Amino acid sequence: MIEHHKISKRTYYLIFAALLVLMVMTVAARFVNFGATVNVLIALTIAIAKTVLIVLYFMHVRFNSRLVQVFVGAAFLWLIILFVLTMGDYVVRDWPPALEGPLSMLPAFLQL
């Protein structure tokens, strides 16, 4: 039989308070301009912190078996790899995109 770990209400309230603080940080970070790349990194860092709290406590991964924790860790590692690859593409692009290549063939009224 699987033994379930009981999480106290105090812990849930503390996690809730932490999530509220992180939400306020998300809103505050929106109004501070550190540059496009740094702002995205700040937003992603705050979002990852919120996600970790939710996964660990509300999905009860913290108190689950080691195998479940390994699979959750592997999923996060894969997510980080995808974010790094995406950010690598994001950083080297010319924003806003120049109208060259296939878009330049569009009629003038369809171009941005």
PDB file of N, CA and C in Angstrom:
ATOM      1  N   MET A   1       0.832  -1.182   0.000  1.00  0.00           N
ATOM      2  CA  MET A   1       0.000   0.000   0.000  1.00  0.00           C
ATOM      3  C   MET A   1       0.878   1.247   0.000  1.00  0.00           C
ATOM      4  N   ILE A   2       0.463   2.242  -0.747  1.00  0.00           N
ATOM      5  CA  ILE A   2       1.222   3.486  -0.858  1.00  0.00           C
ATOM      6  C   ILE A   2       0.923   4.375   0.338  1.00  0.00           C
ATOM      7  N   GLU A   3       1.996   4.864   0.958  1.00  0.00           N
ATOM      8  CA  GLU A   3       1.831   5.761   2.091  1.00  0.00           C
ATOM      9  C   GLU A   3       1.804   7.200   1.584  1.00  0.00           C
ATOM     10  N   HIS A   4       0.784   7.934   1.954  1.00  0.00           N
ATOM     11  CA  HIS A   4       0.651   9.312   1.518  1.00  0.00           C
ATOM     12  C   HIS A   4       1.172  10.255   2.590  1.00  0.00           C
ATOM     13  N   HIS A   5       1.897  11.251   2.140  1.00  0.00           N
ATOM     14  CA  HIS A   5       2.415  12.247   3.063  1.00  0.00           C
ATOM     15  C   HIS A   5       1.399  13.367   3.201  1.00  0.00           C
ATOM     16  N   LYS A   6       1.113  13.762   4.419  1.00  0.00           N
ATOM     17  CA  LYS A   6       0.144  14.830   4.651  1.00  0.00           C
ATOM     18  C   LYS A   6       0.892  16.155   4.785  1.00  0.00           C
ATOM     19  N   ILE A   7       0.485  17.113   3.964  1.00  0.00           N
ATOM     20  CA  ILE A   7       1.087  18.437   3.996  1.00  0.00           C
ATOM     21  C   ILE A   7       0.196  19.334   4.840  1.00  0.00           C
ATOM     22  N   SER A   8       0.802  20.087   5.747  1.00  0.00           N
ATOM     23  CA  SER A   8       0.024  20.926   6.656  1.00  0.00           C
ATOM     24  C   SER A   8      -0.569  22.135   5.927  1.00  0.00           C
ATOM     25  N   LYS A   9      -1.610  22.677   6.510  1.00  0.00           N
ATOM     26  CA  LYS A   9      -2.226  23.887   5.945  1.00  0.00           C
ATOM     27  C   LYS A   9      -1.245  25.047   5.960  1.00  0.00           C
ATOM     28  N   ARG A  10      -0.413  25.091   6.986  1.00  0.00           N
ATOM     29  CA  ARG A  10       0.581  26.165   7.078  1.00  0.00           C
ATOM     30  C   ARG A  10       1.499  26.156   5.853  1.00  0.00           C
ATOM     31  N   THR A  11       1.923  24.963   5.425  1.00  0.00           N
ATOM     32  CA  THR A  11       2.782  24.849   4.248  1.00  0.00           C
ATOM     33  C   THR A  11       2.058  25.345   3.005  1.00  0.00           C
ATOM     34  N   TYR A  12       0.799  24.965   2.867  1.00  0.00           N
ATOM     35  CA  TYR A  12       0.026  25.444   1.721  1.00  0.00           C
ATOM     36  C   TYR A  12      -0.115  26.967   1.734  1.00  0.00           C
ATOM     37  N   TYR A  13      -0.337  27.543   2.901  1.00  0.00           N
ATOM     38  CA  TYR A  13      -0.444  29.000   2.993  1.00  0.00           C
ATOM     39  C   TYR A  13       0.881  29.675   2.675  1.00  0.00           C
ATOM     40  N   LEU A  14       1.987  29.083   3.102  1.00  0.00           N
ATOM     41  CA  LEU A  14       3.304  29.651   2.785  1.00  0.00           C
ATOM     42  C   LEU A  14       3.596  29.588   1.284  1.00  0.00           C
ATOM     43  N   ILE A  15       3.238  28.477   0.660  1.00  0.00           N
ATOM     44  CA  ILE A  15       3.434  28.353  -0.788  1.00  0.00           C
ATOM     45  C   ILE A  15       2.532  29.334  -1.517  1.00  0.00           C
ATOM     46  N   PHE A  16       1.308  29.485  -1.046  1.00  0.00           N
ATOM     47  CA  PHE A  16       0.387  30.459  -1.637  1.00  0.00           C
ATOM     48  C   PHE A  16       0.960  31.873  -1.534  1.00  0.00           C
ATOM     49  N   ALA A  17       1.501  32.212  -0.359  1.00  0.00           N
ATOM     50  CA  ALA A  17       2.105  33.540  -0.176  1.00  0.00           C
ATOM     51  C   ALA A  17       3.309  33.720  -1.093  1.00  0.00           C
ATOM     52  N   ALA A  18       4.117  32.689  -1.232  1.00  0.00           N
ATOM     53  CA  ALA A  18       5.268  32.771  -2.132  1.00  0.00           C
ATOM     54  C   ALA A  18       4.822  32.965  -3.581  1.00  0.00           C
ATOM     55  N   LEU A  19       3.758  32.271  -3.973  1.00  0.00           N
ATOM     56  CA  LEU A  19       3.242  32.435  -5.335  1.00  0.00           C
ATOM     57  C   LEU A  19       2.689  33.843  -5.546  1.00  0.00           C
ATOM     58  N   LEU A  20       2.055  34.420  -4.518  1.00  0.00           N
ATOM     59  CA  LEU A  20       1.577  35.797  -4.630  1.00  0.00           C
ATOM     60  C   LEU A  20       2.745  36.784  -4.774  1.00  0.00           C
ATOM     61  N   VAL A  21       3.810  36.563  -3.996  1.00  0.00           N
ATOM     62  CA  VAL A  21       4.988  37.425  -4.102  1.00  0.00           C
ATOM     63  C   VAL A  21       5.603  37.309  -5.497  1.00  0.00           C
ATOM     64  N   LEU A  22       5.687  36.095  -6.009  1.00  0.00           N
ATOM     65  CA  LEU A  22       6.232  35.909  -7.358  1.00  0.00           C
ATOM     66  C   LEU A  22       5.339  36.541  -8.420  1.00  0.00           C
ATOM     67  N   MET A  23       4.023  36.522  -8.201  1.00  0.00           N
ATOM     68  CA  MET A  23       3.127  37.183  -9.139  1.00  0.00           C
ATOM     69  C   MET A  23       3.356  38.691  -9.143  1.00  0.00           C
ATOM     70  N   VAL A  24       3.517  39.272  -7.949  1.00  0.00           N
ATOM     71  CA  VAL A  24       3.801  40.709  -7.855  1.00  0.00           C
ATOM     72  C   VAL A  24       5.132  41.020  -8.529  1.00  0.00           C
ATOM     73  N   MET A  25       6.115  40.136  -8.355  1.00  0.00           N
ATOM     74  CA  MET A  25       7.404  40.337  -9.017  1.00  0.00           C
ATOM     75  C   MET A  25       7.261  40.281 -10.537  1.00  0.00           C
ATOM     76  N   THR A  26       6.401  39.410 -11.018  1.00  0.00           N
ATOM     77  CA  THR A  26       6.158  39.319 -12.460  1.00  0.00           C
ATOM     78  C   THR A  26       5.577  40.626 -12.989  1.00  0.00           C
ATOM     79  N   VAL A  27       4.591  41.160 -12.279  1.00  0.00           N
ATOM     80  CA  VAL A  27       3.970  42.419 -12.711  1.00  0.00           C
ATOM     81  C   VAL A  27       4.969  43.570 -12.612  1.00  0.00           C
ATOM     82  N   ALA A  28       5.746  43.608 -11.524  1.00  0.00           N
ATOM     83  CA  ALA A  28       6.739  44.676 -11.356  1.00  0.00           C
ATOM     84  C   ALA A  28       7.828  44.593 -12.415  1.00  0.00           C
ATOM     85  N   ALA A  29       8.230  43.385 -12.779  1.00  0.00           N
ATOM     86  CA  ALA A  29       9.271  43.215 -13.792  1.00  0.00           C
ATOM     87  C   ALA A  29       8.805  43.706 -15.158  1.00  0.00           C
ATOM     88  N   ARG A  30       7.519  43.708 -15.372  1.00  0.00           N
ATOM     89  CA  ARG A  30       6.977  44.185 -16.644  1.00  0.00           C
ATOM     90  C   ARG A  30       7.237  45.685 -16.832  1.00  0.00           C
ATOM     91  N   PHE A  31       7.279  46.433 -15.740  1.00  0.00           N
ATOM     92  CA  PHE A  31       7.418  47.877 -15.834  1.00  0.00           C
ATOM     93  C   PHE A  31       8.862  48.357 -15.745  1.00  0.00           C
ATOM     94  N   VAL A  32       9.817  47.444 -15.568  1.00  0.00           N
ATOM     95  CA  VAL A  32      11.234  47.801 -15.522  1.00  0.00           C
ATOM     96  C   VAL A  32      11.862  47.342 -16.830  1.00  0.00           C
ATOM     97  N   ASN A  33      12.596  48.243 -17.488  1.00  0.00           N
ATOM     98  CA  ASN A  33      13.173  47.926 -18.779  1.00  0.00           C
ATOM     99  C   ASN A  33      14.674  47.700 -18.639  1.00  0.00           C
ATOM    100  N   PHE A  34      15.092  46.432 -18.722  1.00  0.00           N
ATOM    101  CA  PHE A  34      16.506  46.077 -18.707  1.00  0.00           C
ATOM    102  C   PHE A  34      16.990  45.702 -20.098  1.00  0.00           C
ATOM    103  N   GLY A  35      16.148  45.852 -21.082  1.00  0.00           N
ATOM    104  CA  GLY A  35      16.449  45.377 -22.426  1.00  0.00           C
ATOM    105  C   GLY A  35      15.620  44.136 -22.701  1.00  0.00           C
ATOM    106  N   ALA A  36      15.366  43.895 -23.956  1.00  0.00           N
ATOM    107  CA  ALA A  36      14.453  42.817 -24.334  1.00  0.00           C
ATOM    108  C   ALA A  36      14.930  41.456 -23.842  1.00  0.00           C
ATOM    109  N   THR A  37      16.193  41.149 -24.018  1.00  0.00           N
ATOM    110  CA  THR A  37      16.703  39.829 -23.646  1.00  0.00           C
ATOM    111  C   THR A  37      16.685  39.622 -22.139  1.00  0.00           C
ATOM    112  N   VAL A  38      17.137  40.600 -21.385  1.00  0.00           N
ATOM    113  CA  VAL A  38      17.174  40.464 -19.928  1.00  0.00           C
ATOM    114  C   VAL A  38      15.759  40.398 -19.359  1.00  0.00           C
ATOM    115  N   ASN A  39      14.840  41.177 -19.912  1.00  0.00           N
ATOM    116  CA  ASN A  39      13.449  41.114 -19.447  1.00  0.00           C
ATOM    117  C   ASN A  39      12.854  39.730 -19.657  1.00  0.00           C
ATOM    118  N   VAL A  40      13.153  39.114 -20.788  1.00  0.00           N
ATOM    119  CA  VAL A  40      12.650  37.762 -21.044  1.00  0.00           C
ATOM    120  C   VAL A  40      13.276  36.773 -20.065  1.00  0.00           C
ATOM    121  N   LEU A  41      14.571  36.909 -19.796  1.00  0.00           N
ATOM    122  CA  LEU A  41      15.227  36.015 -18.849  1.00  0.00           C
ATOM    123  C   LEU A  41      14.656  36.181 -17.439  1.00  0.00           C
ATOM    124  N   ILE A  42      14.367  37.410 -17.031  1.00  0.00           N
ATOM    125  CA  ILE A  42      13.759  37.657 -15.720  1.00  0.00           C
ATOM    126  C   ILE A  42      12.375  37.010 -15.651  1.00  0.00           C
ATOM    127  N   ALA A  43      11.578  37.216 -16.690  1.00  0.00           N
ATOM    128  CA  ALA A  43      10.234  36.634 -16.719  1.00  0.00           C
ATOM    129  C   ALA A  43      10.296  35.100 -16.679  1.00  0.00           C
ATOM    130  N   LEU A  44      11.220  34.512 -17.423  1.00  0.00           N
ATOM    131  CA  LEU A  44      11.349  33.056 -17.421  1.00  0.00           C
ATOM    132  C   LEU A  44      11.823  32.536 -16.069  1.00  0.00           C
ATOM    133  N   THR A  45      12.727  33.250 -15.422  1.00  0.00           N
ATOM    134  CA  THR A  45      13.208  32.831 -14.108  1.00  0.00           C
ATOM    135  C   THR A  45      12.078  32.833 -13.079  1.00  0.00           C
ATOM    136  N   ILE A  46      11.278  33.887 -13.091  1.00  0.00           N
ATOM    137  CA  ILE A  46      10.144  33.960 -12.160  1.00  0.00           C
ATOM    138  C   ILE A  46       9.135  32.861 -12.477  1.00  0.00           C
ATOM    139  N   ALA A  47       8.867  32.631 -13.752  1.00  0.00           N
ATOM    140  CA  ALA A  47       7.915  31.589 -14.143  1.00  0.00           C
ATOM    141  C   ALA A  47       8.410  30.203 -13.740  1.00  0.00           C
ATOM    142  N   ILE A  48       9.701  29.955 -13.873  1.00  0.00           N
ATOM    143  CA  ILE A  48      10.250  28.655 -13.483  1.00  0.00           C
ATOM    144  C   ILE A  48      10.144  28.478 -11.975  1.00  0.00           C
ATOM    145  N   ALA A  49      10.391  29.550 -11.209  1.00  0.00           N
ATOM    146  CA  ALA A  49      10.270  29.459  -9.746  1.00  0.00           C
ATOM    147  C   ALA A  49       8.837  29.117  -9.347  1.00  0.00           C
ATOM    148  N   LYS A  50       7.863  29.757  -9.993  1.00  0.00           N
ATOM    149  CA  LYS A  50       6.463  29.444  -9.696  1.00  0.00           C
ATOM    150  C   LYS A  50       6.132  28.003 -10.070  1.00  0.00           C
ATOM    151  N   THR A  51       6.637  27.566 -11.203  1.00  0.00           N
ATOM    152  CA  THR A  51       6.377  26.201 -11.660  1.00  0.00           C
ATOM    153  C   THR A  51       6.961  25.174 -10.701  1.00  0.00           C
ATOM    154  N   VAL A  52       8.169  25.427 -10.222  1.00  0.00           N
ATOM    155  CA  VAL A  52       8.808  24.493  -9.294  1.00  0.00           C
ATOM    156  C   VAL A  52       7.988  24.377  -8.007  1.00  0.00           C
ATOM    157  N   LEU A  53       7.517  25.499  -7.478  1.00  0.00           N
ATOM    158  CA  LEU A  53       6.695  25.447  -6.263  1.00  0.00           C
ATOM    159  C   LEU A  53       5.416  24.643  -6.486  1.00  0.00           C
ATOM    160  N   ILE A  54       4.775  24.882  -7.605  1.00  0.00           N
ATOM    161  CA  ILE A  54       3.523  24.183  -7.900  1.00  0.00           C
ATOM    162  C   ILE A  54       3.758  22.688  -8.067  1.00  0.00           C
ATOM    163  N   VAL A  55       4.802  22.325  -8.815  1.00  0.00           N
ATOM    164  CA  VAL A  55       5.075  20.907  -9.046  1.00  0.00           C
ATOM    165  C   VAL A  55       5.463  20.210  -7.748  1.00  0.00           C
ATOM    166  N   LEU A  56       6.325  20.841  -6.949  1.00  0.00           N
ATOM    167  CA  LEU A  56       6.801  20.189  -5.732  1.00  0.00           C
ATOM    168  C   LEU A  56       5.705  19.999  -4.690  1.00  0.00           C
ATOM    169  N   TYR A  57       4.867  21.020  -4.508  1.00  0.00           N
ATOM    170  CA  TYR A  57       3.919  20.951  -3.397  1.00  0.00           C
ATOM    171  C   TYR A  57       2.498  20.599  -3.816  1.00  0.00           C
ATOM    172  N   PHE A  58       1.977  21.230  -4.867  1.00  0.00           N
ATOM    173  CA  PHE A  58       0.594  20.947  -5.237  1.00  0.00           C
ATOM    174  C   PHE A  58       0.458  19.643  -6.022  1.00  0.00           C
ATOM    175  N   MET A  59       1.542  19.235  -6.696  1.00  0.00           N
ATOM    176  CA  MET A  59       1.518  17.946  -7.382  1.00  0.00           C
ATOM    177  C   MET A  59       2.189  16.862  -6.533  1.00  0.00           C
ATOM    178  N   HIS A  60       2.633  17.229  -5.335  1.00  0.00           N
ATOM    179  CA  HIS A  60       3.183  16.305  -4.338  1.00  0.00           C
ATOM    180  C   HIS A  60       4.415  15.537  -4.809  1.00  0.00           C
ATOM    181  N   VAL A  61       5.190  16.135  -5.704  1.00  0.00           N
ATOM    182  CA  VAL A  61       6.397  15.463  -6.189  1.00  0.00           C
ATOM    183  C   VAL A  61       7.465  15.421  -5.100  1.00  0.00           C
ATOM    184  N   ARG A  62       7.484  16.397  -4.240  1.00  0.00           N
ATOM    185  CA  ARG A  62       8.495  16.444  -3.175  1.00  0.00           C
ATOM    186  C   ARG A  62       8.416  15.220  -2.272  1.00  0.00           C
ATOM    187  N   PHE A  63       7.246  14.700  -2.067  1.00  0.00           N
ATOM    188  CA  PHE A  63       7.065  13.581  -1.161  1.00  0.00           C
ATOM    189  C   PHE A  63       6.803  12.271  -1.894  1.00  0.00           C
ATOM    190  N   ASN A  64       7.063  12.243  -3.184  1.00  0.00           N
ATOM    191  CA  ASN A  64       6.838  11.041  -3.981  1.00  0.00           C
ATOM    192  C   ASN A  64       8.109  10.202  -4.025  1.00  0.00           C
ATOM    193  N   SER A  65       8.042   9.093  -4.739  1.00  0.00           N
ATOM    194  CA  SER A  65       9.190   8.189  -4.822  1.00  0.00           C
ATOM    195  C   SER A  65      10.325   8.830  -5.620  1.00  0.00           C
ATOM    196  N   ARG A  66      11.510   8.280  -5.441  1.00  0.00           N
ATOM    197  CA  ARG A  66      12.697   8.785  -6.135  1.00  0.00           C
ATOM    198  C   ARG A  66      12.543   8.652  -7.649  1.00  0.00           C
ATOM    199  N   LEU A  67      11.881   7.618  -8.122  1.00  0.00           N
ATOM    200  CA  LEU A  67      11.686   7.409  -9.555  1.00  0.00           C
ATOM    201  C   LEU A  67      10.850   8.539 -10.162  1.00  0.00           C
ATOM    202  N   VAL A  68       9.791   8.919  -9.484  1.00  0.00           N
ATOM    203  CA  VAL A  68       8.954  10.020  -9.963  1.00  0.00           C
ATOM    204  C   VAL A  68       9.769  11.315  -9.993  1.00  0.00           C
ATOM    205  N   GLN A  69      10.575  11.544  -8.971  1.00  0.00           N
ATOM    206  CA  GLN A  69      11.403  12.745  -8.930  1.00  0.00           C
ATOM    207  C   GLN A  69      12.419  12.768 -10.072  1.00  0.00           C
ATOM    208  N   VAL A  70      12.979  11.610 -10.412  1.00  0.00           N
ATOM    209  CA  VAL A  70      13.930  11.533 -11.524  1.00  0.00           C
ATOM    210  C   VAL A  70      13.241  11.883 -12.837  1.00  0.00           C
ATOM    211  N   PHE A  71      12.050  11.363 -13.051  1.00  0.00           N
ATOM    212  CA  PHE A  71      11.338  11.651 -14.290  1.00  0.00           C
ATOM    213  C   PHE A  71      10.917  13.121 -14.374  1.00  0.00           C
ATOM    214  N   VAL A  72      10.505  13.704 -13.259  1.00  0.00           N
ATOM    215  CA  VAL A  72      10.158  15.127 -13.252  1.00  0.00           C
ATOM    216  C   VAL A  72      11.411  15.962 -13.517  1.00  0.00           C
ATOM    217  N   GLY A  73      12.523  15.585 -12.906  1.00  0.00           N
ATOM    218  CA  GLY A  73      13.789  16.281 -13.158  1.00  0.00           C
ATOM    219  C   GLY A  73      14.214  16.183 -14.613  1.00  0.00           C
ATOM    220  N   ALA A  74      14.038  15.013 -15.215  1.00  0.00           N
ATOM    221  CA  ALA A  74      14.368  14.837 -16.631  1.00  0.00           C
ATOM    222  C   ALA A  74      13.482  15.711 -17.513  1.00  0.00           C
ATOM    223  N   ALA A  75      12.219  15.809 -17.150  1.00  0.00           N
ATOM    224  CA  ALA A  75      11.313  16.669 -17.922  1.00  0.00           C
ATOM    225  C   ALA A  75      11.742  18.131 -17.819  1.00  0.00           C
ATOM    226  N   PHE A  76      12.131  18.569 -16.621  1.00  0.00           N
ATOM    227  CA  PHE A  76      12.610  19.947 -16.466  1.00  0.00           C
ATOM    228  C   PHE A  76      13.914  20.171 -17.228  1.00  0.00           C
ATOM    229  N   LEU A  77      14.802  19.187 -17.214  1.00  0.00           N
ATOM    230  CA  LEU A  77      16.046  19.309 -17.973  1.00  0.00           C
ATOM    231  C   LEU A  77      15.750  19.473 -19.459  1.00  0.00           C
ATOM    232  N   TRP A  78      14.822  18.688 -19.971  1.00  0.00           N
ATOM    233  CA  TRP A  78      14.438  18.797 -21.371  1.00  0.00           C
ATOM    234  C   TRP A  78      13.815  20.168 -21.655  1.00  0.00           C
ATOM    235  N   LEU A  79      13.001  20.657 -20.741  1.00  0.00           N
ATOM    236  CA  LEU A  79      12.403  21.977 -20.914  1.00  0.00           C
ATOM    237  C   LEU A  79      13.477  23.065 -20.946  1.00  0.00           C
ATOM    238  N   ILE A  80      14.476  22.959 -20.087  1.00  0.00           N
ATOM    239  CA  ILE A  80      15.564  23.928 -20.074  1.00  0.00           C
ATOM    240  C   ILE A  80      16.345  23.875 -21.382  1.00  0.00           C
ATOM    241  N   ILE A  81      16.588  22.680 -21.904  1.00  0.00           N
ATOM    242  CA  ILE A  81      17.272  22.550 -23.200  1.00  0.00           C
ATOM    243  C   ILE A  81      16.469  23.256 -24.284  1.00  0.00           C
ATOM    244  N   LEU A  82      15.166  23.048 -24.304  1.00  0.00           N
ATOM    245  CA  LEU A  82      14.329  23.701 -25.309  1.00  0.00           C
ATOM    246  C   LEU A  82      14.347  25.218 -25.149  1.00  0.00           C
ATOM    247  N   PHE A  83      14.310  25.719 -23.900  1.00  0.00           N
ATOM    248  CA  PHE A  83      14.384  27.160 -23.673  1.00  0.00           C
ATOM    249  C   PHE A  83      15.723  27.731 -24.127  1.00  0.00           C
ATOM    250  N   VAL A  84      16.813  27.034 -23.851  1.00  0.00           N
ATOM    251  CA  VAL A  84      18.138  27.522 -24.258  1.00  0.00           C
ATOM    252  C   VAL A  84      18.221  27.589 -25.778  1.00  0.00           C
ATOM    253  N   LEU A  85      17.734  26.578 -26.458  1.00  0.00           N
ATOM    254  CA  LEU A  85      17.751  26.600 -27.919  1.00  0.00           C
ATOM    255  C   LEU A  85      16.868  27.723 -28.469  1.00  0.00           C
ATOM    256  N   THR A  86      15.710  27.906 -27.865  1.00  0.00           N
ATOM    257  CA  THR A  86      14.812  28.972 -28.300  1.00  0.00           C
ATOM    258  C   THR A  86      15.426  30.346 -28.050  1.00  0.00           C
ATOM    259  N   MET A  87      16.011  30.533 -26.855  1.00  0.00           N
ATOM    260  CA  MET A  87      16.623  31.829 -26.542  1.00  0.00           C
ATOM    261  C   MET A  87      17.820  32.103 -27.443  1.00  0.00           C
ATOM    262  N   GLY A  88      18.566  31.059 -27.806  1.00  0.00           N
ATOM    263  CA  GLY A  88      19.673  31.244 -28.750  1.00  0.00           C
ATOM    264  C   GLY A  88      19.176  31.787 -30.074  1.00  0.00           C
ATOM    265  N   ASP A  89      18.058  31.278 -30.544  1.00  0.00           N
ATOM    266  CA  ASP A  89      17.461  31.774 -31.779  1.00  0.00           C
ATOM    267  C   ASP A  89      16.910  33.182 -31.586  1.00  0.00           C
ATOM    268  N   TYR A  90      16.297  33.430 -30.446  1.00  0.00           N
ATOM    269  CA  TYR A  90      15.673  34.722 -30.160  1.00  0.00           C
ATOM    270  C   TYR A  90      16.715  35.841 -30.112  1.00  0.00           C
ATOM    271  N   VAL A  91      17.859  35.562 -29.505  1.00  0.00           N
ATOM    272  CA  VAL A  91      18.878  36.588 -29.314  1.00  0.00           C
ATOM    273  C   VAL A  91      19.529  36.996 -30.627  1.00  0.00           C
ATOM    274  N   VAL A  92      19.738  36.057 -31.533  1.00  0.00           N
ATOM    275  CA  VAL A  92      20.466  36.382 -32.761  1.00  0.00           C
ATOM    276  C   VAL A  92      19.578  36.925 -33.874  1.00  0.00           C
ATOM    277  N   ARG A  93      18.283  36.927 -33.698  1.00  0.00           N
ATOM    278  CA  ARG A  93      17.396  37.456 -34.739  1.00  0.00           C
ATOM    279  C   ARG A  93      17.394  38.971 -34.757  1.00  0.00           C
ATOM    280  N   ASP A  94      17.090  39.503 -35.925  1.00  0.00           N
ATOM    281  CA  ASP A  94      16.974  40.939 -36.094  1.00  0.00           C
ATOM    282  C   ASP A  94      15.512  41.308 -35.862  1.00  0.00           C
ATOM    283  N   TRP A  95      15.239  42.044 -34.756  1.00  0.00           N
ATOM    284  CA  TRP A  95      13.868  42.401 -34.416  1.00  0.00           C
ATOM    285  C   TRP A  95      13.630  43.859 -34.691  1.00  0.00           C
ATOM    286  N   PRO A  96      12.572  44.273 -35.318  1.00  0.00           N
ATOM    287  CA  PRO A  96      11.572  43.437 -36.008  1.00  0.00           C
ATOM    288  C   PRO A  96      12.166  42.856 -37.280  1.00  0.00           C
ATOM    289  N   PRO A  97      11.618  41.751 -37.719  1.00  0.00           N
ATOM    290  CA  PRO A  97      12.180  41.099 -38.908  1.00  0.00           C
ATOM    291  C   PRO A  97      12.146  42.013 -40.120  1.00  0.00           C
ATOM    292  N   ALA A  98      13.246  42.038 -40.825  1.00  0.00           N
ATOM    293  CA  ALA A  98      13.319  42.834 -42.052  1.00  0.00           C
ATOM    294  C   ALA A  98      12.532  42.121 -43.145  1.00  0.00           C
ATOM    295  N   LEU A  99      11.964  42.890 -44.040  1.00  0.00           N
ATOM    296  CA  LEU A  99      11.197  42.294 -45.136  1.00  0.00           C
ATOM    297  C   LEU A  99      12.148  41.902 -46.257  1.00  0.00           C
ATOM    298  N   GLU A 100      12.783  40.779 -46.061  1.00  0.00           N
ATOM    299  CA  GLU A 100      13.657  40.215 -47.073  1.00  0.00           C
ATOM    300  C   GLU A 100      13.241  38.773 -47.289  1.00  0.00           C
ATOM    301  N   GLY A 101      13.690  38.216 -48.359  1.00  0.00           N
ATOM    302  CA  GLY A 101      13.382  36.814 -48.616  1.00  0.00           C
ATOM    303  C   GLY A 101      11.945  36.642 -49.067  1.00  0.00           C
ATOM    304  N   PRO A 102      11.280  35.580 -48.606  1.00  0.00           N
ATOM    305  CA  PRO A 102       9.939  35.242 -49.093  1.00  0.00           C
ATOM    306  C   PRO A 102       8.904  36.344 -48.844  1.00  0.00           C
ATOM    307  N   LEU A 103       9.039  37.098 -47.732  1.00  0.00           N
ATOM    308  CA  LEU A 103       8.050  38.132 -47.457  1.00  0.00           C
ATOM    309  C   LEU A 103       8.141  39.298 -48.432  1.00  0.00           C
ATOM    310  N   SER A 104       9.314  39.528 -49.019  1.00  0.00           N
ATOM    311  CA  SER A 104       9.454  40.648 -49.944  1.00  0.00           C
ATOM    312  C   SER A 104       8.700  40.393 -51.246  1.00  0.00           C
ATOM    313  N   MET A 105       8.325  39.144 -51.492  1.00  0.00           N
ATOM    314  CA  MET A 105       7.586  38.824 -52.693  1.00  0.00           C
ATOM    315  C   MET A 105       6.090  39.103 -52.569  1.00  0.00           C
ATOM    316  N   LEU A 106       5.631  39.393 -51.357  1.00  0.00           N
ATOM    317  CA  LEU A 106       4.217  39.679 -51.154  1.00  0.00           C
ATOM    318  C   LEU A 106       3.870  41.035 -51.766  1.00  0.00           C
ATOM    319  N   PRO A 107       2.623  41.192 -52.175  1.00  0.00           N
ATOM    320  CA  PRO A 107       2.203  42.512 -52.643  1.00  0.00           C
ATOM    321  C   PRO A 107       2.355  43.555 -51.526  1.00  0.00           C
ATOM    322  N   ALA A 108       2.538  44.797 -51.902  1.00  0.00           N
ATOM    323  CA  ALA A 108       2.828  45.865 -50.951  1.00  0.00           C
ATOM    324  C   ALA A 108       1.732  46.003 -49.892  1.00  0.00           C
ATOM    325  N   PHE A 109       0.453  45.805 -50.254  1.00  0.00           N
ATOM    326  CA  PHE A 109      -0.626  45.976 -49.276  1.00  0.00           C
ATOM    327  C   PHE A 109      -0.661  44.866 -48.220  1.00  0.00           C
ATOM    328  N   LEU A 110       0.022  43.733 -48.465  1.00  0.00           N
ATOM    329  CA  LEU A 110       0.069  42.658 -47.477  1.00  0.00           C
ATOM    330  C   LEU A 110       1.285  42.734 -46.574  1.00  0.00           C
ATOM    331  N   GLN A 111       2.262  43.572 -46.942  1.00  0.00           N
ATOM    332  CA  GLN A 111       3.474  43.681 -46.134  1.00  0.00           C
ATOM    333  C   GLN A 111       3.214  44.533 -44.924  1.00  0.00           C
ATOM    334  N   LEU A 112       3.902  44.236 -43.832  1.00  0.00           N
ATOM    335  CA  LEU A 112       3.723  44.985 -42.582  1.00  0.00           C
ATOM    336  C   LEU A 112       4.423  46.319 -42.646  1.00  0.00           C
TER     337      LEU A 112
END
